Amino acid sequence: MPREVILVDANLGNLDSVEHALIQVGASVHISSDPDRVATARTVVFPGQGSFGPSTNAIIQGAMGDALRMVIERGDPFLGICLGMQLLFDSSEEGGGQPGLGVLPGQVKRFPADMPAGEMVGARMYKVPHVGWNDCQPTNEHFFFTHSYYVEAAAPEDVMWTCRYGRIEFPAAVNRGNVFGAQFHPQKSQWSGLRFLRSFILGGRG
């Protein structure tokens, strides 16, 4: 029987492709913006595009934030994608400093200011935002990223996979108990992304 997944609609976009990918790996997906429905879900995926600001503050400080914490504290599987992963942490530098859900310790930081114009490392030019395919360790698989901010985790044991961009090594995926986060977009990462999602649905670690 397909695993029922609630895909949170928090007006942050990126729903259709995530829904399609979850269906591909065998999930029965229900999209909901209702905090009460989310609070009673047995598996929750929080996708995200955009940035920290008024929209994320409304989530964190409102009923949806309470619902997300309830799911996590109850021990049900939770996956945050891209901004959804960053929201799991204490705070972000973005927007002059914004709070996160505080589920995992750490801060979201912007890639260094000297990288937008390009930093030469060997023959490669690194720019912000970081957009494109990069390998993750220790999997050696490639995933698709698009982000200007990265997580600096305070607890190394929460970091499941890492990725390097320029001189910065950052968490590509995090995990603590029932909580998972992916800085990359699994729905855009072809077979590697689908394997990651299927592992999450089946209760694994990617």
N, C-alpha and C. Protein backbone atom coordinates (compact mmCIF):
# COMPACT_ATOMS: atom_id res chain seq x y z
N MET A 1 0.84 -1.20 0.00
CA MET A 1 0.00 0.00 0.00
C MET A 1 0.88 1.25 0.00
N PRO A 2 0.61 2.25 -0.85
CA PRO A 2 1.46 3.44 -0.91
C PRO A 2 1.50 4.19 0.43
N ARG A 3 2.68 4.72 0.76
CA ARG A 3 2.83 5.53 1.96
C ARG A 3 2.20 6.90 1.73
N GLU A 4 1.27 7.29 2.59
CA GLU A 4 0.64 8.60 2.44
C GLU A 4 1.58 9.69 2.92
N VAL A 5 1.76 10.69 2.08
CA VAL A 5 2.64 11.81 2.37
C VAL A 5 1.86 13.11 2.24
N ILE A 6 1.98 13.97 3.24
CA ILE A 6 1.44 15.32 3.13
C ILE A 6 2.54 16.24 2.63
N LEU A 7 2.31 16.85 1.49
CA LEU A 7 3.23 17.82 0.90
C LEU A 7 2.71 19.21 1.28
N VAL A 8 3.49 19.92 2.05
CA VAL A 8 3.04 21.19 2.63
C VAL A 8 3.04 22.29 1.58
N ASP A 9 1.90 22.94 1.42
CA ASP A 9 1.78 24.11 0.56
C ASP A 9 1.85 25.35 1.44
N ALA A 10 3.03 25.94 1.49
CA ALA A 10 3.24 27.13 2.32
C ALA A 10 3.42 28.37 1.46
N ASN A 11 2.92 28.33 0.22
CA ASN A 11 3.03 29.44 -0.72
C ASN A 11 4.48 29.80 -1.02
N LEU A 12 5.34 28.77 -1.01
CA LEU A 12 6.74 28.97 -1.34
C LEU A 12 7.11 28.32 -2.66
N GLY A 13 6.11 27.84 -3.40
CA GLY A 13 6.34 27.30 -4.72
C GLY A 13 6.91 25.89 -4.71
N ASN A 14 7.26 25.40 -5.91
CA ASN A 14 7.99 24.15 -6.09
C ASN A 14 7.19 22.93 -5.66
N LEU A 15 5.87 22.92 -5.89
CA LEU A 15 5.05 21.79 -5.46
C LEU A 15 4.91 20.71 -6.53
N ASP A 16 4.64 21.10 -7.77
CA ASP A 16 4.31 20.12 -8.81
C ASP A 16 5.42 19.11 -9.03
N SER A 17 6.66 19.58 -9.15
CA SER A 17 7.76 18.66 -9.45
C SER A 17 8.04 17.74 -8.27
N VAL A 18 7.90 18.26 -7.05
CA VAL A 18 8.10 17.42 -5.86
C VAL A 18 6.99 16.38 -5.77
N GLU A 19 5.76 16.79 -6.02
CA GLU A 19 4.64 15.85 -6.00
C GLU A 19 4.86 14.73 -7.01
N HIS A 20 5.25 15.10 -8.22
CA HIS A 20 5.46 14.10 -9.27
C HIS A 20 6.55 13.11 -8.88
N ALA A 21 7.66 13.62 -8.30
CA ALA A 21 8.77 12.75 -7.91
C ALA A 21 8.35 11.79 -6.80
N LEU A 22 7.59 12.28 -5.83
CA LEU A 22 7.13 11.43 -4.74
C LEU A 22 6.19 10.33 -5.25
N ILE A 23 5.33 10.67 -6.19
CA ILE A 23 4.45 9.67 -6.78
C ILE A 23 5.27 8.61 -7.52
N GLN A 24 6.33 9.05 -8.19
CA GLN A 24 7.20 8.12 -8.91
C GLN A 24 7.82 7.07 -8.00
N VAL A 25 8.11 7.45 -6.76
CA VAL A 25 8.76 6.51 -5.84
C VAL A 25 7.74 5.79 -4.96
N GLY A 26 6.46 5.92 -5.29
CA GLY A 26 5.46 5.09 -4.64
C GLY A 26 4.65 5.72 -3.54
N ALA A 27 4.73 7.03 -3.38
CA ALA A 27 3.97 7.71 -2.34
C ALA A 27 2.58 8.08 -2.83
N SER A 28 1.65 8.13 -1.90
CA SER A 28 0.32 8.69 -2.15
C SER A 28 0.35 10.11 -1.59
N VAL A 29 0.35 11.10 -2.47
CA VAL A 29 0.63 12.48 -2.08
C VAL A 29 -0.65 13.29 -1.94
N HIS A 30 -0.74 14.04 -0.85
CA HIS A 30 -1.83 14.97 -0.62
C HIS A 30 -1.22 16.33 -0.30
N ILE A 31 -1.55 17.33 -1.10
CA ILE A 31 -1.04 18.68 -0.87
C ILE A 31 -1.98 19.40 0.08
N SER A 32 -1.41 20.05 1.09
CA SER A 32 -2.26 20.73 2.07
C SER A 32 -1.58 21.97 2.62
N SER A 33 -2.40 23.02 2.79
CA SER A 33 -1.96 24.24 3.46
C SER A 33 -2.64 24.38 4.82
N ASP A 34 -3.34 23.32 5.24
CA ASP A 34 -4.10 23.33 6.48
C ASP A 34 -3.22 22.82 7.64
N PRO A 35 -2.88 23.67 8.60
CA PRO A 35 -2.03 23.22 9.70
C PRO A 35 -2.61 22.03 10.46
N ASP A 36 -3.93 21.96 10.59
CA ASP A 36 -4.54 20.83 11.29
C ASP A 36 -4.29 19.52 10.54
N ARG A 37 -4.37 19.58 9.23
CA ARG A 37 -4.11 18.37 8.43
C ARG A 37 -2.63 17.98 8.53
N VAL A 38 -1.77 18.97 8.47
CA VAL A 38 -0.33 18.70 8.57
C VAL A 38 0.00 18.11 9.94
N ALA A 39 -0.60 18.65 10.99
CA ALA A 39 -0.29 18.21 12.36
C ALA A 39 -0.60 16.75 12.59
N THR A 40 -1.55 16.19 11.85
CA THR A 40 -1.95 14.80 12.05
C THR A 40 -1.33 13.87 11.01
N ALA A 41 -0.48 14.40 10.14
CA ALA A 41 0.13 13.60 9.08
C ALA A 41 1.15 12.63 9.64
N ARG A 42 1.30 11.49 8.97
CA ARG A 42 2.26 10.49 9.40
C ARG A 42 3.59 10.59 8.66
N THR A 43 3.61 11.31 7.54
CA THR A 43 4.84 11.61 6.81
C THR A 43 4.66 12.98 6.17
N VAL A 44 5.63 13.87 6.38
CA VAL A 44 5.51 15.24 5.89
C VAL A 44 6.74 15.62 5.07
N VAL A 45 6.50 16.24 3.93
CA VAL A 45 7.57 16.81 3.11
C VAL A 45 7.30 18.30 2.97
N PHE A 46 8.31 19.10 3.28
CA PHE A 46 8.20 20.56 3.20
C PHE A 46 9.15 21.04 2.11
N PRO A 47 8.62 21.35 0.91
CA PRO A 47 9.48 21.86 -0.16
C PRO A 47 9.67 23.36 0.02
N GLY A 48 10.59 23.93 -0.73
CA GLY A 48 10.75 25.37 -0.58
C GLY A 48 11.58 26.01 -1.65
N GLN A 49 11.12 27.11 -2.15
CA GLN A 49 11.90 28.03 -2.95
C GLN A 49 11.73 29.39 -2.29
N GLY A 50 12.56 30.35 -2.69
CA GLY A 50 12.40 31.67 -2.12
C GLY A 50 13.41 31.92 -1.02
N SER A 51 13.03 32.72 -0.04
CA SER A 51 14.00 33.21 0.93
C SER A 51 13.36 33.38 2.30
N PHE A 52 14.24 33.52 3.31
CA PHE A 52 13.78 33.88 4.64
C PHE A 52 13.23 35.32 4.61
N GLY A 53 12.13 35.53 5.29
CA GLY A 53 11.52 36.85 5.32
C GLY A 53 10.13 36.78 5.92
N PRO A 54 9.24 37.70 5.53
CA PRO A 54 7.89 37.72 6.10
C PRO A 54 7.13 36.40 5.94
N SER A 55 7.28 35.74 4.78
CA SER A 55 6.55 34.49 4.57
C SER A 55 7.02 33.39 5.50
N THR A 56 8.34 33.28 5.66
CA THR A 56 8.85 32.25 6.55
C THR A 56 8.56 32.59 8.01
N ASN A 57 8.59 33.87 8.37
CA ASN A 57 8.25 34.26 9.74
C ASN A 57 6.80 33.90 10.07
N ALA A 58 5.91 34.08 9.09
CA ALA A 58 4.51 33.73 9.31
C ALA A 58 4.36 32.23 9.54
N ILE A 59 5.16 31.43 8.84
CA ILE A 59 5.14 29.99 9.04
C ILE A 59 5.66 29.64 10.43
N ILE A 60 6.83 30.14 10.74
CA ILE A 60 7.51 29.77 11.98
C ILE A 60 6.73 30.20 13.22
N GLN A 61 6.16 31.39 13.16
CA GLN A 61 5.49 31.93 14.34
C GLN A 61 3.99 31.59 14.39
N GLY A 62 3.49 30.96 13.33
CA GLY A 62 2.06 30.69 13.27
C GLY A 62 1.69 29.24 13.47
N ALA A 63 0.48 28.92 13.08
CA ALA A 63 -0.07 27.58 13.28
C ALA A 63 0.69 26.52 12.48
N MET A 64 1.18 26.89 11.29
CA MET A 64 1.91 25.91 10.50
C MET A 64 3.22 25.51 11.18
N GLY A 65 3.90 26.48 11.75
CA GLY A 65 5.12 26.16 12.50
C GLY A 65 4.84 25.23 13.66
N ASP A 66 3.74 25.48 14.37
CA ASP A 66 3.35 24.59 15.47
C ASP A 66 3.07 23.19 14.96
N ALA A 67 2.41 23.10 13.80
CA ALA A 67 2.09 21.79 13.23
C ALA A 67 3.35 21.03 12.83
N LEU A 68 4.31 21.72 12.22
CA LEU A 68 5.55 21.08 11.82
C LEU A 68 6.31 20.57 13.04
N ARG A 69 6.39 21.38 14.08
CA ARG A 69 7.07 20.95 15.31
C ARG A 69 6.37 19.75 15.93
N MET A 70 5.04 19.73 15.86
CA MET A 70 4.28 18.62 16.43
C MET A 70 4.62 17.31 15.72
N VAL A 71 4.68 17.36 14.39
CA VAL A 71 5.04 16.17 13.61
C VAL A 71 6.43 15.68 13.99
N ILE A 72 7.37 16.61 14.06
CA ILE A 72 8.76 16.27 14.36
C ILE A 72 8.90 15.72 15.77
N GLU A 73 8.29 16.39 16.74
CA GLU A 73 8.39 15.95 18.13
C GLU A 73 7.71 14.61 18.37
N ARG A 74 6.68 14.31 17.57
CA ARG A 74 5.98 13.04 17.70
C ARG A 74 6.80 11.89 17.14
N GLY A 75 7.78 12.20 16.30
CA GLY A 75 8.65 11.17 15.75
C GLY A 75 8.28 10.68 14.38
N ASP A 76 7.34 11.36 13.70
CA ASP A 76 6.97 10.95 12.35
C ASP A 76 7.98 11.49 11.34
N PRO A 77 8.17 10.80 10.20
CA PRO A 77 9.16 11.21 9.22
C PRO A 77 8.88 12.61 8.65
N PHE A 78 9.93 13.40 8.59
CA PHE A 78 9.83 14.77 8.07
C PHE A 78 11.01 15.02 7.15
N LEU A 79 10.74 15.59 5.98
CA LEU A 79 11.80 15.97 5.04
C LEU A 79 11.61 17.42 4.63
N GLY A 80 12.66 18.22 4.81
CA GLY A 80 12.68 19.59 4.32
C GLY A 80 13.63 19.70 3.14
N ILE A 81 13.18 20.32 2.06
CA ILE A 81 13.96 20.44 0.83
C ILE A 81 14.37 21.89 0.62
N CYS A 82 15.67 22.11 0.36
CA CYS A 82 16.25 23.43 0.07
C CYS A 82 15.91 24.41 1.19
N LEU A 83 15.09 25.42 0.94
CA LEU A 83 14.70 26.34 2.01
C LEU A 83 14.02 25.58 3.15
N GLY A 84 13.31 24.50 2.81
CA GLY A 84 12.67 23.68 3.83
C GLY A 84 13.67 23.06 4.78
N MET A 85 14.87 22.72 4.28
CA MET A 85 15.94 22.24 5.16
C MET A 85 16.49 23.38 6.00
N GLN A 86 16.74 24.53 5.38
CA GLN A 86 17.31 25.65 6.12
C GLN A 86 16.41 26.11 7.26
N LEU A 87 15.09 26.00 7.06
CA LEU A 87 14.15 26.41 8.10
C LEU A 87 14.25 25.56 9.36
N LEU A 88 14.85 24.37 9.26
CA LEU A 88 14.98 23.50 10.42
C LEU A 88 15.96 24.07 11.45
N PHE A 89 16.82 24.99 11.04
CA PHE A 89 17.89 25.45 11.90
C PHE A 89 17.48 26.71 12.70
N ASP A 90 18.38 27.16 13.56
CA ASP A 90 18.05 28.23 14.51
C ASP A 90 17.73 29.55 13.84
N SER A 91 18.55 29.92 12.84
CA SER A 91 18.39 31.25 12.26
C SER A 91 19.10 31.34 10.93
N SER A 92 18.85 32.44 10.21
CA SER A 92 19.52 32.70 8.94
C SER A 92 20.00 34.13 8.90
N GLU A 93 21.12 34.35 8.23
CA GLU A 93 21.62 35.70 8.01
C GLU A 93 20.75 36.45 7.00
N GLU A 94 19.99 35.73 6.23
CA GLU A 94 19.21 36.34 5.15
C GLU A 94 18.19 37.33 5.69
N GLY A 95 17.98 38.39 4.92
CA GLY A 95 17.00 39.39 5.32
C GLY A 95 17.37 40.15 6.59
N GLY A 96 18.66 40.26 6.84
CA GLY A 96 19.10 40.99 8.03
C GLY A 96 19.05 40.17 9.30
N GLY A 97 18.79 38.87 9.16
CA GLY A 97 18.71 37.99 10.33
C GLY A 97 17.27 37.57 10.59
N GLN A 98 17.01 36.29 10.41
CA GLN A 98 15.65 35.78 10.54
C GLN A 98 15.66 34.49 11.37
N PRO A 99 14.61 34.22 12.14
CA PRO A 99 14.57 32.99 12.94
C PRO A 99 14.18 31.78 12.10
N GLY A 100 14.64 30.61 12.55
CA GLY A 100 14.20 29.35 11.97
C GLY A 100 13.36 28.60 12.98
N LEU A 101 13.07 27.35 12.67
CA LEU A 101 12.25 26.53 13.56
C LEU A 101 13.01 26.09 14.81
N GLY A 102 14.33 26.08 14.75
CA GLY A 102 15.12 25.70 15.91
C GLY A 102 15.07 24.22 16.22
N VAL A 103 14.79 23.39 15.22
CA VAL A 103 14.76 21.94 15.41
C VAL A 103 16.18 21.39 15.49
N LEU A 104 17.07 21.93 14.66
CA LEU A 104 18.48 21.54 14.65
C LEU A 104 19.33 22.78 14.94
N PRO A 105 20.43 22.61 15.69
CA PRO A 105 21.27 23.76 16.01
C PRO A 105 22.15 24.17 14.83
N GLY A 106 22.21 25.46 14.58
CA GLY A 106 23.06 25.95 13.50
C GLY A 106 22.47 27.19 12.86
N GLN A 107 23.25 27.76 11.96
CA GLN A 107 22.85 29.01 11.30
C GLN A 107 23.00 28.87 9.80
N VAL A 108 22.15 29.58 9.08
CA VAL A 108 22.21 29.63 7.63
C VAL A 108 23.00 30.87 7.24
N LYS A 109 24.04 30.68 6.42
CA LYS A 109 24.92 31.78 6.04
C LYS A 109 25.00 31.93 4.53
N ARG A 110 25.35 33.13 4.09
CA ARG A 110 25.49 33.38 2.66
C ARG A 110 26.88 32.96 2.21
N PHE A 111 26.98 32.47 0.99
CA PHE A 111 28.30 32.21 0.44
C PHE A 111 29.12 33.50 0.47
N PRO A 112 30.44 33.40 0.63
CA PRO A 112 31.28 34.58 0.85
C PRO A 112 31.07 35.68 -0.17
N ALA A 113 31.19 36.92 0.32
CA ALA A 113 30.91 38.09 -0.52
C ALA A 113 31.87 38.23 -1.68
N ASP A 114 33.05 37.60 -1.61
CA ASP A 114 33.99 37.73 -2.72
C ASP A 114 33.74 36.72 -3.83
N MET A 115 32.68 35.89 -3.67
CA MET A 115 32.40 34.90 -4.70
C MET A 115 31.46 35.37 -5.82
N PRO A 116 30.57 36.37 -5.62
CA PRO A 116 29.66 36.75 -6.71
C PRO A 116 30.35 37.12 -8.01
N ALA A 117 31.50 37.84 -7.92
CA ALA A 117 32.20 38.22 -9.14
C ALA A 117 33.00 37.05 -9.71
N GLY A 118 33.09 36.00 -8.94
CA GLY A 118 33.81 34.82 -9.43
C GLY A 118 35.12 34.63 -8.71
N GLU A 119 35.34 33.44 -8.23
CA GLU A 119 36.60 33.11 -7.57
C GLU A 119 37.25 32.00 -8.37
N MET A 120 38.44 32.26 -8.86
CA MET A 120 39.12 31.25 -9.66
C MET A 120 39.74 30.21 -8.75
N VAL A 121 39.35 28.96 -8.95
CA VAL A 121 39.95 27.82 -8.26
C VAL A 121 40.34 26.84 -9.34
N GLY A 122 41.63 26.78 -9.64
CA GLY A 122 42.05 26.02 -10.81
C GLY A 122 41.52 26.72 -12.05
N ALA A 123 40.77 25.99 -12.86
CA ALA A 123 40.23 26.57 -14.09
C ALA A 123 38.74 26.85 -13.98
N ARG A 124 38.19 26.75 -12.78
CA ARG A 124 36.75 26.87 -12.64
C ARG A 124 36.37 28.19 -11.98
N MET A 125 35.31 28.79 -12.45
CA MET A 125 34.80 30.02 -11.88
C MET A 125 33.61 29.70 -10.98
N TYR A 126 33.65 30.19 -9.73
CA TYR A 126 32.57 29.95 -8.79
C TYR A 126 31.78 31.24 -8.60
N LYS A 127 30.48 31.13 -8.75
CA LYS A 127 29.60 32.29 -8.64
C LYS A 127 28.50 32.01 -7.63
N VAL A 128 27.87 33.06 -7.18
CA VAL A 128 26.70 32.96 -6.31
C VAL A 128 25.51 33.53 -7.07
N PRO A 129 24.38 32.82 -7.15
CA PRO A 129 24.08 31.58 -6.43
C PRO A 129 24.80 30.36 -7.00
N HIS A 130 24.90 29.36 -6.18
CA HIS A 130 25.42 28.06 -6.59
C HIS A 130 24.29 27.33 -7.33
N VAL A 131 24.45 27.19 -8.63
CA VAL A 131 23.42 26.54 -9.45
C VAL A 131 24.09 25.47 -10.30
N GLY A 132 23.59 24.26 -10.18
CA GLY A 132 24.10 23.18 -11.01
C GLY A 132 24.33 21.90 -10.25
N TRP A 133 24.99 20.97 -10.93
CA TRP A 133 25.21 19.63 -10.39
C TRP A 133 26.52 19.57 -9.62
N ASN A 134 26.47 18.96 -8.43
CA ASN A 134 27.67 18.75 -7.64
C ASN A 134 27.60 17.38 -6.97
N ASP A 135 28.78 16.82 -6.74
CA ASP A 135 28.81 15.52 -6.07
C ASP A 135 28.70 15.70 -4.56
N CYS A 136 28.12 14.70 -3.93
CA CYS A 136 27.98 14.69 -2.47
C CYS A 136 28.83 13.56 -1.90
N GLN A 137 29.39 13.81 -0.75
CA GLN A 137 30.19 12.80 -0.07
C GLN A 137 29.47 12.36 1.20
N PRO A 138 29.55 11.07 1.54
CA PRO A 138 30.40 10.04 0.93
C PRO A 138 29.73 9.23 -0.17
N THR A 139 28.64 9.70 -0.76
CA THR A 139 27.92 8.89 -1.75
C THR A 139 28.58 8.88 -3.12
N ASN A 140 29.32 9.98 -3.45
CA ASN A 140 29.88 10.18 -4.79
C ASN A 140 28.80 10.30 -5.87
N GLU A 141 27.58 10.57 -5.47
CA GLU A 141 26.50 10.80 -6.42
C GLU A 141 26.33 12.29 -6.65
N HIS A 142 25.79 12.64 -7.82
CA HIS A 142 25.58 14.04 -8.18
C HIS A 142 24.12 14.43 -7.98
N PHE A 143 23.93 15.62 -7.43
CA PHE A 143 22.60 16.16 -7.19
C PHE A 143 22.56 17.61 -7.68
N PHE A 144 21.35 18.09 -7.91
CA PHE A 144 21.17 19.44 -8.46
C PHE A 144 20.92 20.44 -7.33
N PHE A 145 21.71 21.52 -7.31
CA PHE A 145 21.61 22.56 -6.30
C PHE A 145 21.25 23.90 -6.95
N THR A 146 20.53 24.73 -6.21
CA THR A 146 20.37 26.14 -6.57
C THR A 146 20.10 26.92 -5.29
N HIS A 147 21.13 27.63 -4.81
CA HIS A 147 21.01 28.35 -3.53
C HIS A 147 22.16 29.34 -3.38
N SER A 148 21.88 30.41 -2.63
CA SER A 148 22.89 31.41 -2.29
C SER A 148 23.33 31.30 -0.83
N TYR A 149 22.57 30.56 -0.05
CA TYR A 149 22.84 30.39 1.38
C TYR A 149 23.05 28.92 1.70
N TYR A 150 23.87 28.66 2.69
CA TYR A 150 24.18 27.29 3.08
C TYR A 150 24.11 27.17 4.61
N VAL A 151 23.94 25.96 5.09
CA VAL A 151 23.84 25.72 6.52
C VAL A 151 25.22 25.52 7.13
N GLU A 152 25.44 26.15 8.26
CA GLU A 152 26.60 25.86 9.11
C GLU A 152 26.05 25.16 10.35
N ALA A 153 26.13 23.84 10.33
CA ALA A 153 25.54 23.04 11.40
C ALA A 153 26.40 23.09 12.66
N ALA A 154 25.75 23.26 13.81
CA ALA A 154 26.48 23.31 15.07
C ALA A 154 26.79 21.93 15.61
N ALA A 155 26.06 20.92 15.15
CA ALA A 155 26.27 19.54 15.61
C ALA A 155 26.71 18.70 14.41
N PRO A 156 27.99 18.38 14.30
CA PRO A 156 28.48 17.62 13.14
C PRO A 156 27.75 16.31 12.92
N GLU A 157 27.25 15.71 13.99
CA GLU A 157 26.56 14.43 13.86
C GLU A 157 25.25 14.54 13.10
N ASP A 158 24.73 15.78 12.94
CA ASP A 158 23.49 15.97 12.17
C ASP A 158 23.74 15.96 10.67
N VAL A 159 25.00 16.08 10.27
CA VAL A 159 25.34 16.17 8.84
C VAL A 159 25.48 14.77 8.26
N MET A 160 24.62 14.44 7.31
CA MET A 160 24.63 13.12 6.68
C MET A 160 25.54 13.09 5.46
N TRP A 161 25.40 14.09 4.57
CA TRP A 161 26.24 14.21 3.38
C TRP A 161 26.76 15.63 3.29
N THR A 162 27.89 15.80 2.62
CA THR A 162 28.45 17.13 2.41
C THR A 162 28.68 17.38 0.92
N CYS A 163 28.84 18.67 0.60
CA CYS A 163 29.15 19.09 -0.76
C CYS A 163 30.15 20.23 -0.65
N ARG A 164 31.02 20.36 -1.62
CA ARG A 164 31.98 21.47 -1.64
C ARG A 164 31.68 22.37 -2.83
N TYR A 165 31.65 23.68 -2.56
CA TYR A 165 31.51 24.68 -3.62
C TYR A 165 32.55 25.75 -3.36
N GLY A 166 33.51 25.87 -4.28
CA GLY A 166 34.63 26.75 -4.01
C GLY A 166 35.39 26.28 -2.78
N ARG A 167 35.63 27.17 -1.85
CA ARG A 167 36.35 26.78 -0.63
C ARG A 167 35.41 26.40 0.50
N ILE A 168 34.11 26.39 0.24
CA ILE A 168 33.13 26.11 1.29
C ILE A 168 32.64 24.67 1.19
N GLU A 169 32.78 23.95 2.29
CA GLU A 169 32.15 22.64 2.42
C GLU A 169 30.92 22.81 3.29
N PHE A 170 29.78 22.35 2.82
CA PHE A 170 28.53 22.59 3.54
C PHE A 170 27.69 21.32 3.57
N PRO A 171 26.72 21.23 4.48
CA PRO A 171 25.85 20.06 4.52
C PRO A 171 24.94 20.00 3.29
N ALA A 172 25.02 18.89 2.56
CA ALA A 172 24.11 18.67 1.44
C ALA A 172 22.84 17.97 1.92
N ALA A 173 22.98 17.17 2.97
CA ALA A 173 21.83 16.48 3.56
C ALA A 173 22.08 16.34 5.06
N VAL A 174 21.03 16.49 5.84
CA VAL A 174 21.13 16.35 7.29
C VAL A 174 20.11 15.33 7.78
N ASN A 175 20.40 14.80 8.96
CA ASN A 175 19.48 13.83 9.55
C ASN A 175 19.67 13.78 11.05
N ARG A 176 18.57 13.82 11.76
CA ARG A 176 18.56 13.53 13.19
C ARG A 176 17.26 12.77 13.47
N GLY A 177 17.38 11.48 13.77
CA GLY A 177 16.20 10.68 14.04
C GLY A 177 15.26 10.65 12.85
N ASN A 178 14.05 11.15 13.07
CA ASN A 178 13.01 11.15 12.03
C ASN A 178 13.09 12.36 11.10
N VAL A 179 14.03 13.26 11.36
CA VAL A 179 14.11 14.52 10.60
C VAL A 179 15.21 14.45 9.55
N PHE A 180 14.85 14.75 8.31
CA PHE A 180 15.79 14.78 7.21
C PHE A 180 15.71 16.13 6.50
N GLY A 181 16.83 16.55 5.94
CA GLY A 181 16.84 17.76 5.13
C GLY A 181 17.76 17.57 3.95
N ALA A 182 17.40 18.14 2.82
CA ALA A 182 18.22 18.10 1.60
C ALA A 182 18.39 19.51 1.08
N GLN A 183 19.65 19.97 1.00
CA GLN A 183 19.89 21.29 0.41
C GLN A 183 19.69 21.23 -1.10
N PHE A 184 19.96 20.09 -1.69
CA PHE A 184 19.74 19.90 -3.13
C PHE A 184 18.25 19.67 -3.40
N HIS A 185 17.92 19.65 -4.68
CA HIS A 185 16.54 19.38 -5.10
C HIS A 185 16.46 17.95 -5.61
N PRO A 186 16.00 17.01 -4.80
CA PRO A 186 15.93 15.62 -5.27
C PRO A 186 15.01 15.45 -6.47
N GLN A 187 13.97 16.25 -6.57
CA GLN A 187 13.02 16.11 -7.68
C GLN A 187 13.64 16.54 -9.00
N LYS A 188 14.80 17.23 -8.95
CA LYS A 188 15.48 17.67 -10.17
C LYS A 188 16.79 16.91 -10.38
N SER A 189 17.02 15.90 -9.54
CA SER A 189 18.31 15.21 -9.53
C SER A 189 18.25 13.82 -10.16
N GLN A 190 17.32 13.61 -11.04
CA GLN A 190 17.20 12.38 -11.82
C GLN A 190 17.18 11.15 -10.90
N TRP A 191 17.88 10.07 -11.30
CA TRP A 191 17.77 8.81 -10.55
C TRP A 191 18.34 8.92 -9.14
N SER A 192 19.38 9.71 -8.96
CA SER A 192 19.95 9.87 -7.61
C SER A 192 18.93 10.50 -6.68
N GLY A 193 18.22 11.51 -7.19
CA GLY A 193 17.21 12.17 -6.38
C GLY A 193 16.04 11.25 -6.07
N LEU A 194 15.63 10.46 -7.04
CA LEU A 194 14.53 9.53 -6.80
C LEU A 194 14.92 8.46 -5.79
N ARG A 195 16.17 8.00 -5.85
CA ARG A 195 16.63 7.02 -4.85
C ARG A 195 16.60 7.62 -3.46
N PHE A 196 17.01 8.89 -3.36
CA PHE A 196 16.98 9.56 -2.06
C PHE A 196 15.55 9.64 -1.53
N LEU A 197 14.62 10.05 -2.37
CA LEU A 197 13.22 10.16 -1.94
C LEU A 197 12.64 8.80 -1.58
N ARG A 198 12.95 7.79 -2.36
CA ARG A 198 12.43 6.46 -2.06
C ARG A 198 12.97 5.95 -0.73
N SER A 199 14.24 6.21 -0.48
CA SER A 199 14.83 5.80 0.81
C SER A 199 14.13 6.51 1.96
N PHE A 200 13.84 7.79 1.78
CA PHE A 200 13.13 8.52 2.83
C PHE A 200 11.74 7.92 3.07
N ILE A 201 11.03 7.66 1.98
CA ILE A 201 9.69 7.10 2.09
C ILE A 201 9.71 5.74 2.80
N LEU A 202 10.79 4.98 2.54
CA LEU A 202 10.90 3.64 3.14
C LEU A 202 11.57 3.66 4.51
N GLY A 203 11.96 4.87 4.96
CA GLY A 203 12.52 4.98 6.31
C GLY A 203 14.02 4.85 6.40
N GLY A 204 14.73 5.04 5.26
CA GLY A 204 16.17 4.90 5.26
C GLY A 204 16.91 6.21 5.32
N ARG A 205 18.20 6.15 5.03
CA ARG A 205 19.08 7.32 5.11
C ARG A 205 19.67 7.69 3.75
N GLY A 206 19.00 7.38 2.66
CA GLY A 206 19.50 7.80 1.35
C GLY A 206 20.41 6.76 0.72
